[in-house]
Amino acid sequence: MSEPELELLSRLRDEHTRAKFPPHLRGRDIEGEAMVMLDANIAGCVSSSLSGRLDEQRRSTLLRCLAALEEVAPSIGDESGAIEYYEPLREMATLANESGNAKAQ
């Protein structure tokens, strides 16, 4: 990952850490996905990628979460800022995945 991408990922993670989770999504499953766990799993994988290379388990988790996020995004709609909360999460997951792929080569 280039230095600008690393800085972007770090900045996005810091902003996401300060963001308020949409209250209406607490304890809610959409398309079979627990929204709190989707958030937590992506955030954990992103933090791991900032600390070093993603192992296969985290890479697999990250890819599954990215696919799940793509699936639930249309169902989230724009209710109460949910899209604004999850869009940076998707961007972070994509950057972390790309970083992991680059480090694995």
C-alpha atoms as a PDB file:
ATOM      1  CA  MET A   1       0.000   0.000   0.000  1.00  0.00           C
ATOM      2  CA  SER A   2       1.366   3.378  -0.894  1.00  0.00           C
ATOM      3  CA  GLU A   3       1.918   5.987   1.788  1.00  0.00           C
ATOM      4  CA  PRO A   4      -1.081   8.091   0.613  1.00  0.00           C
ATOM      5  CA  GLU A   5      -3.330   5.000   0.672  1.00  0.00           C
ATOM      6  CA  LEU A   6      -2.084   4.085   4.133  1.00  0.00           C
ATOM      7  CA  GLU A   7      -2.769   7.607   5.365  1.00  0.00           C
ATOM      8  CA  LEU A   8      -6.244   7.526   3.804  1.00  0.00           C
ATOM      9  CA  LEU A   9      -7.040   4.174   5.405  1.00  0.00           C
ATOM     10  CA  SER A  10      -5.783   5.384   8.766  1.00  0.00           C
ATOM     11  CA  ARG A  11      -7.790   8.618   8.498  1.00  0.00           C
ATOM     12  CA  LEU A  12     -10.952   6.747   7.480  1.00  0.00           C
ATOM     13  CA  ARG A  13     -10.518   4.335  10.384  1.00  0.00           C
ATOM     14  CA  ASP A  14     -10.066   7.197  12.843  1.00  0.00           C
ATOM     15  CA  GLU A  15     -13.158   8.969  11.499  1.00  0.00           C
ATOM     16  CA  HIS A  16     -15.152   5.741  11.614  1.00  0.00           C
ATOM     17  CA  THR A  17     -14.097   5.143  15.210  1.00  0.00           C
ATOM     18  CA  ARG A  18     -15.580   8.528  16.148  1.00  0.00           C
ATOM     19  CA  ALA A  19     -18.767   8.065  14.085  1.00  0.00           C
ATOM     20  CA  LYS A  20     -21.972   7.200  15.895  1.00  0.00           C
ATOM     21  CA  PHE A  21     -23.419   3.819  14.957  1.00  0.00           C
ATOM     22  CA  PRO A  22     -26.954   4.254  13.569  1.00  0.00           C
ATOM     23  CA  PRO A  23     -29.145   3.448  16.601  1.00  0.00           C
ATOM     24  CA  HIS A  24     -31.914   1.924  14.509  1.00  0.00           C
ATOM     25  CA  LEU A  25     -29.461  -0.753  13.277  1.00  0.00           C
ATOM     26  CA  ARG A  26     -28.465  -1.993  16.747  1.00  0.00           C
ATOM     27  CA  GLY A  27     -29.584  -5.575  17.116  1.00  0.00           C
ATOM     28  CA  ARG A  28     -30.934  -5.583  13.574  1.00  0.00           C
ATOM     29  CA  ASP A  29     -30.285  -8.184  10.899  1.00  0.00           C
ATOM     30  CA  ILE A  30     -30.645  -7.246   7.237  1.00  0.00           C
ATOM     31  CA  GLU A  31     -30.506  -9.977   4.618  1.00  0.00           C
ATOM     32  CA  GLY A  32     -29.304 -12.323   7.372  1.00  0.00           C
ATOM     33  CA  GLU A  33     -26.430 -10.023   8.390  1.00  0.00           C
ATOM     34  CA  ALA A  34     -26.134  -8.665  11.923  1.00  0.00           C
ATOM     35  CA  MET A  35     -25.306  -5.024  11.205  1.00  0.00           C
ATOM     36  CA  VAL A  36     -23.265  -4.516  14.392  1.00  0.00           C
ATOM     37  CA  MET A  37     -21.148  -7.600  13.652  1.00  0.00           C
ATOM     38  CA  LEU A  38     -20.646  -6.564  10.033  1.00  0.00           C
ATOM     39  CA  ASP A  39     -19.294  -3.251  11.277  1.00  0.00           C
ATOM     40  CA  ALA A  40     -17.115  -4.853  13.957  1.00  0.00           C
ATOM     41  CA  ASN A  41     -15.665  -7.495  11.644  1.00  0.00           C
ATOM     42  CA  ILE A  42     -14.695  -4.981   8.967  1.00  0.00           C
ATOM     43  CA  ALA A  43     -13.248  -2.571  11.530  1.00  0.00           C
ATOM     44  CA  GLY A  44     -11.176  -5.371  13.062  1.00  0.00           C
ATOM     45  CA  CYS A  45      -9.798  -6.466   9.699  1.00  0.00           C
ATOM     46  CA  VAL A  46      -8.961  -2.873   8.800  1.00  0.00           C
ATOM     47  CA  SER A  47      -7.086  -2.403  12.069  1.00  0.00           C
ATOM     48  CA  SER A  48      -5.179  -5.615  11.411  1.00  0.00           C
ATOM     49  CA  SER A  49      -4.247  -4.465   7.915  1.00  0.00           C
ATOM     50  CA  LEU A  50      -2.893  -1.213   9.343  1.00  0.00           C
ATOM     51  CA  SER A  51      -0.745  -3.238  11.744  1.00  0.00           C
ATOM     52  CA  GLY A  52       0.617  -5.546   9.075  1.00  0.00           C
ATOM     53  CA  ARG A  53      -0.318  -8.134   6.516  1.00  0.00           C
ATOM     54  CA  LEU A  54      -3.742  -9.752   6.728  1.00  0.00           C
ATOM     55  CA  ASP A  55      -3.642 -13.471   7.385  1.00  0.00           C
ATOM     56  CA  GLU A  56      -5.845 -15.779   5.328  1.00  0.00           C
ATOM     57  CA  GLN A  57      -8.591 -15.905   7.955  1.00  0.00           C
ATOM     58  CA  ARG A  58      -8.872 -12.109   8.155  1.00  0.00           C
ATOM     59  CA  ARG A  59      -8.670 -11.771   4.380  1.00  0.00           C
ATOM     60  CA  SER A  60     -11.483 -14.311   4.043  1.00  0.00           C
ATOM     61  CA  THR A  61     -13.532 -12.484   6.688  1.00  0.00           C
ATOM     62  CA  LEU A  62     -12.946  -9.163   4.961  1.00  0.00           C
ATOM     63  CA  LEU A  63     -14.028 -10.501   1.562  1.00  0.00           C
ATOM     64  CA  ARG A  64     -17.138 -12.103   3.051  1.00  0.00           C
ATOM     65  CA  CYS A  65     -18.001  -8.843   4.801  1.00  0.00           C
ATOM     66  CA  LEU A  66     -17.486  -6.823   1.614  1.00  0.00           C
ATOM     67  CA  ALA A  67     -19.846  -9.157  -0.254  1.00  0.00           C
ATOM     68  CA  ALA A  68     -22.375  -8.946   2.588  1.00  0.00           C
ATOM     69  CA  LEU A  69     -22.161  -5.160   2.628  1.00  0.00           C
ATOM     70  CA  GLU A  70     -22.850  -5.050  -1.109  1.00  0.00           C
ATOM     71  CA  GLU A  71     -25.875  -7.269  -0.549  1.00  0.00           C
ATOM     72  CA  VAL A  72     -27.366  -5.287   2.337  1.00  0.00           C
ATOM     73  CA  ALA A  73     -26.605  -1.784   1.008  1.00  0.00           C
ATOM     74  CA  PRO A  74     -29.801  -1.527  -1.084  1.00  0.00           C
ATOM     75  CA  SER A  75     -31.877  -2.625   1.919  1.00  0.00           C
ATOM     76  CA  ILE A  76     -30.271  -0.104   4.242  1.00  0.00           C
ATOM     77  CA  GLY A  77     -31.609   2.710   2.116  1.00  0.00           C
ATOM     78  CA  ASP A  78     -30.792   6.122   3.462  1.00  0.00           C
ATOM     79  CA  GLU A  79     -32.628   5.794   6.721  1.00  0.00           C
ATOM     80  CA  SER A  80     -31.155   7.942   9.453  1.00  0.00           C
ATOM     81  CA  GLY A  81     -27.663   8.239   8.024  1.00  0.00           C
ATOM     82  CA  ALA A  82     -27.030   4.516   7.626  1.00  0.00           C
ATOM     83  CA  ILE A  83     -25.517   4.900   4.163  1.00  0.00           C
ATOM     84  CA  GLU A  84     -23.234   7.689   5.382  1.00  0.00           C
ATOM     85  CA  TYR A  85     -22.068   5.371   8.142  1.00  0.00           C
ATOM     86  CA  TYR A  86     -21.509   2.278   6.009  1.00  0.00           C
ATOM     87  CA  GLU A  87     -20.058   3.877   2.865  1.00  0.00           C
ATOM     88  CA  PRO A  88     -16.715   4.788   4.534  1.00  0.00           C
ATOM     89  CA  LEU A  89     -16.682   1.285   6.029  1.00  0.00           C
ATOM     90  CA  ARG A  90     -16.939  -0.161   2.520  1.00  0.00           C
ATOM     91  CA  GLU A  91     -14.144   2.150   1.341  1.00  0.00           C
ATOM     92  CA  MET A  92     -11.935   1.050   4.248  1.00  0.00           C
ATOM     93  CA  ALA A  93     -12.610  -2.627   3.564  1.00  0.00           C
ATOM     94  CA  THR A  94     -11.773  -2.186  -0.114  1.00  0.00           C
ATOM     95  CA  LEU A  95      -8.509  -0.393   0.687  1.00  0.00           C
ATOM     96  CA  ALA A  96      -7.536  -2.989   3.281  1.00  0.00           C
ATOM     97  CA  ASN A  97      -8.276  -5.793   0.832  1.00  0.00           C
ATOM     98  CA  GLU A  98      -6.213  -4.146  -1.899  1.00  0.00           C
ATOM     99  CA  SER A  99      -3.413  -3.625   0.586  1.00  0.00           C
ATOM    100  CA  GLY A 100      -3.518  -7.253   1.615  1.00  0.00           C
ATOM    101  CA  ASN A 101      -3.417  -8.388  -2.003  1.00  0.00           C
ATOM    102  CA  ALA A 102      -0.411  -6.187  -2.717  1.00  0.00           C
ATOM    103  CA  LYS A 103       1.434  -7.492   0.367  1.00  0.00           C
ATOM    104  CA  ALA A 104       0.652 -11.100  -0.517  1.00  0.00           C
ATOM    105  CA  GLN A 105       2.364 -10.868  -3.910  1.00  0.00           C
END
